[in-house]
Amino acid sequence: MNPKDIRTSSDPDLAGSYAAMQRAALSAQDLAIRTNTGIVVCVDGKEVRLTAQDLIKMREQEKTVATS
């Protein structure tokens, strides 16, 4: 795996793909919350299932940190 951050790529499409992946992840989380379903993510190389309630809690914590 290449440890170089893709956001620093000289290719604008590759550099912009990081933001696109973040938007896609947020959209998947939104859909999971709306439909009360879970999603599977990779954390430290391990598959982790997050329920809609887990996602809601994560969002609340992010809001708390952002307003601090």
N, C-alpha and C. Protein backbone atom coordinates (compact mmCIF):
# COMPACT_ATOMS: atom_id res chain seq x y z
N MET A 1 0.84 -1.17 0.00
CA MET A 1 0.00 0.00 0.00
C MET A 1 0.89 1.24 0.00
N ASN A 2 0.48 2.23 -0.76
CA ASN A 2 1.24 3.46 -0.86
C ASN A 2 0.83 4.40 0.28
N PRO A 3 1.77 4.76 1.17
CA PRO A 3 1.41 5.61 2.31
C PRO A 3 1.28 7.10 1.96
N LYS A 4 1.57 7.48 0.70
CA LYS A 4 1.49 8.88 0.31
C LYS A 4 0.03 9.35 0.28
N ASP A 5 -0.23 10.50 0.81
CA ASP A 5 -1.57 11.08 0.85
C ASP A 5 -1.99 11.47 -0.56
N ILE A 6 -3.12 10.92 -1.03
CA ILE A 6 -3.56 11.20 -2.40
C ILE A 6 -3.97 12.66 -2.60
N ARG A 7 -4.26 13.35 -1.51
CA ARG A 7 -4.65 14.77 -1.64
C ARG A 7 -3.50 15.63 -2.13
N THR A 8 -2.28 15.11 -2.04
CA THR A 8 -1.11 15.88 -2.49
C THR A 8 -0.68 15.50 -3.91
N SER A 9 -1.47 14.67 -4.58
CA SER A 9 -1.14 14.22 -5.93
C SER A 9 -1.13 15.39 -6.90
N SER A 10 -0.26 15.30 -7.90
CA SER A 10 -0.24 16.33 -8.95
C SER A 10 -1.40 16.14 -9.93
N ASP A 11 -2.03 14.97 -9.91
CA ASP A 11 -3.19 14.70 -10.76
C ASP A 11 -4.43 15.25 -10.05
N PRO A 12 -5.08 16.26 -10.61
CA PRO A 12 -6.22 16.87 -9.92
C PRO A 12 -7.39 15.90 -9.70
N ASP A 13 -7.57 14.95 -10.61
CA ASP A 13 -8.64 13.97 -10.43
C ASP A 13 -8.36 13.07 -9.24
N LEU A 14 -7.13 12.64 -9.11
CA LEU A 14 -6.75 11.79 -7.98
C LEU A 14 -6.82 12.57 -6.68
N ALA A 15 -6.34 13.79 -6.69
CA ALA A 15 -6.38 14.63 -5.48
C ALA A 15 -7.83 14.88 -5.05
N GLY A 16 -8.72 15.08 -6.00
CA GLY A 16 -10.11 15.35 -5.68
C GLY A 16 -10.89 14.10 -5.28
N SER A 17 -10.34 12.92 -5.56
CA SER A 17 -11.05 11.69 -5.25
C SER A 17 -11.20 11.48 -3.74
N TYR A 18 -10.31 12.04 -2.96
CA TYR A 18 -10.41 11.90 -1.50
C TYR A 18 -11.70 12.55 -0.99
N ALA A 19 -11.96 13.76 -1.44
CA ALA A 19 -13.19 14.46 -1.04
C ALA A 19 -14.42 13.71 -1.55
N ALA A 20 -14.32 13.15 -2.75
CA ALA A 20 -15.45 12.40 -3.31
C ALA A 20 -15.73 11.16 -2.47
N MET A 21 -14.69 10.49 -2.00
CA MET A 21 -14.89 9.31 -1.15
C MET A 21 -15.50 9.69 0.19
N GLN A 22 -15.11 10.85 0.71
CA GLN A 22 -15.71 11.31 1.97
C GLN A 22 -17.19 11.62 1.78
N ARG A 23 -17.55 12.26 0.66
CA ARG A 23 -18.95 12.55 0.38
C ARG A 23 -19.75 11.26 0.21
N ALA A 24 -19.16 10.27 -0.46
CA ALA A 24 -19.85 9.00 -0.66
C ALA A 24 -20.07 8.29 0.67
N ALA A 25 -19.10 8.33 1.55
CA ALA A 25 -19.23 7.70 2.87
C ALA A 25 -20.33 8.39 3.67
N LEU A 26 -20.37 9.71 3.64
CA LEU A 26 -21.40 10.46 4.35
C LEU A 26 -22.79 10.14 3.79
N SER A 27 -22.88 10.01 2.47
CA SER A 27 -24.14 9.67 1.84
C SER A 27 -24.60 8.27 2.25
N ALA A 28 -23.67 7.32 2.33
CA ALA A 28 -24.01 5.96 2.77
C ALA A 28 -24.48 5.97 4.23
N GLN A 29 -23.85 6.78 5.05
CA GLN A 29 -24.28 6.90 6.44
C GLN A 29 -25.67 7.51 6.53
N ASP A 30 -25.92 8.55 5.74
CA ASP A 30 -27.25 9.18 5.72
C ASP A 30 -28.33 8.16 5.36
N LEU A 31 -28.06 7.37 4.33
CA LEU A 31 -29.02 6.36 3.89
C LEU A 31 -29.25 5.31 4.97
N ALA A 32 -28.18 4.87 5.62
CA ALA A 32 -28.31 3.88 6.69
C ALA A 32 -29.15 4.43 7.84
N ILE A 33 -28.97 5.68 8.17
CA ILE A 33 -29.75 6.30 9.26
C ILE A 33 -31.21 6.40 8.84
N ARG A 34 -31.47 6.86 7.61
CA ARG A 34 -32.86 7.02 7.15
C ARG A 34 -33.60 5.69 7.08
N THR A 35 -32.89 4.61 6.72
CA THR A 35 -33.54 3.31 6.56
C THR A 35 -33.36 2.40 7.77
N ASN A 36 -32.72 2.93 8.81
CA ASN A 36 -32.46 2.18 10.05
C ASN A 36 -31.75 0.86 9.77
N THR A 37 -30.71 0.94 8.96
CA THR A 37 -29.90 -0.23 8.65
C THR A 37 -28.46 0.06 9.05
N GLY A 38 -27.63 -0.96 8.99
CA GLY A 38 -26.23 -0.79 9.34
C GLY A 38 -25.35 -0.71 8.12
N ILE A 39 -24.11 -0.34 8.35
CA ILE A 39 -23.09 -0.35 7.30
C ILE A 39 -21.86 -1.06 7.85
N VAL A 40 -21.03 -1.54 6.95
CA VAL A 40 -19.79 -2.19 7.35
C VAL A 40 -18.64 -1.31 6.90
N VAL A 41 -17.75 -1.01 7.82
CA VAL A 41 -16.59 -0.18 7.52
C VAL A 41 -15.32 -0.92 7.95
N CYS A 42 -14.20 -0.46 7.49
CA CYS A 42 -12.92 -1.04 7.85
C CYS A 42 -12.24 -0.10 8.85
N VAL A 43 -11.92 -0.64 10.04
CA VAL A 43 -11.24 0.13 11.07
C VAL A 43 -9.99 -0.64 11.47
N ASP A 44 -8.83 -0.03 11.23
CA ASP A 44 -7.55 -0.67 11.54
C ASP A 44 -7.45 -2.05 10.89
N GLY A 45 -7.96 -2.17 9.65
CA GLY A 45 -7.86 -3.42 8.91
C GLY A 45 -8.89 -4.47 9.28
N LYS A 46 -9.82 -4.13 10.16
CA LYS A 46 -10.85 -5.09 10.57
C LYS A 46 -12.22 -4.58 10.16
N GLU A 47 -13.09 -5.51 9.73
CA GLU A 47 -14.45 -5.13 9.37
C GLU A 47 -15.26 -4.89 10.63
N VAL A 48 -15.96 -3.76 10.66
CA VAL A 48 -16.78 -3.38 11.81
C VAL A 48 -18.17 -3.00 11.30
N ARG A 49 -19.20 -3.57 11.90
CA ARG A 49 -20.58 -3.23 11.52
C ARG A 49 -21.06 -2.12 12.44
N LEU A 50 -21.56 -1.05 11.83
CA LEU A 50 -22.11 0.08 12.58
C LEU A 50 -23.61 0.13 12.34
N THR A 51 -24.38 0.16 13.40
CA THR A 51 -25.83 0.28 13.27
C THR A 51 -26.20 1.73 13.03
N ALA A 52 -27.45 1.96 12.69
CA ALA A 52 -27.93 3.33 12.51
C ALA A 52 -27.76 4.11 13.81
N GLN A 53 -28.02 3.46 14.94
CA GLN A 53 -27.86 4.14 16.24
C GLN A 53 -26.39 4.51 16.49
N ASP A 54 -25.48 3.63 16.08
CA ASP A 54 -24.04 3.94 16.21
C ASP A 54 -23.69 5.18 15.40
N LEU A 55 -24.23 5.24 14.18
CA LEU A 55 -23.95 6.37 13.30
C LEU A 55 -24.51 7.67 13.86
N ILE A 56 -25.71 7.59 14.43
CA ILE A 56 -26.32 8.78 15.03
C ILE A 56 -25.47 9.26 16.20
N LYS A 57 -25.00 8.34 17.04
CA LYS A 57 -24.15 8.71 18.17
C LYS A 57 -22.85 9.36 17.68
N MET A 58 -22.26 8.80 16.62
CA MET A 58 -21.03 9.37 16.07
C MET A 58 -21.27 10.79 15.59
N ARG A 59 -22.39 11.02 14.92
CA ARG A 59 -22.72 12.36 14.43
C ARG A 59 -22.88 13.34 15.59
N GLU A 60 -23.55 12.90 16.64
CA GLU A 60 -23.74 13.76 17.81
C GLU A 60 -22.41 14.12 18.45
N GLN A 61 -21.51 13.14 18.53
CA GLN A 61 -20.19 13.40 19.10
C GLN A 61 -19.40 14.36 18.23
N GLU A 62 -19.50 14.22 16.91
CA GLU A 62 -18.80 15.12 16.00
C GLU A 62 -19.31 16.55 16.14
N LYS A 63 -20.63 16.70 16.33
CA LYS A 63 -21.21 18.03 16.52
C LYS A 63 -20.69 18.65 17.82
N THR A 64 -20.60 17.83 18.87
CA THR A 64 -20.12 18.31 20.16
C THR A 64 -18.67 18.79 20.04
N VAL A 65 -17.85 18.02 19.36
CA VAL A 65 -16.44 18.38 19.18
C VAL A 65 -16.31 19.64 18.32
N ALA A 66 -17.14 19.75 17.28
CA ALA A 66 -17.08 20.90 16.37
C ALA A 66 -17.50 22.19 17.06
N THR A 67 -18.40 22.11 18.03
CA THR A 67 -18.86 23.31 18.69
C THR A 67 -18.01 23.67 19.91
N SER A 68 -17.09 22.78 20.27
CA SER A 68 -16.23 23.06 21.44
C SER A 68 -15.12 24.02 21.12
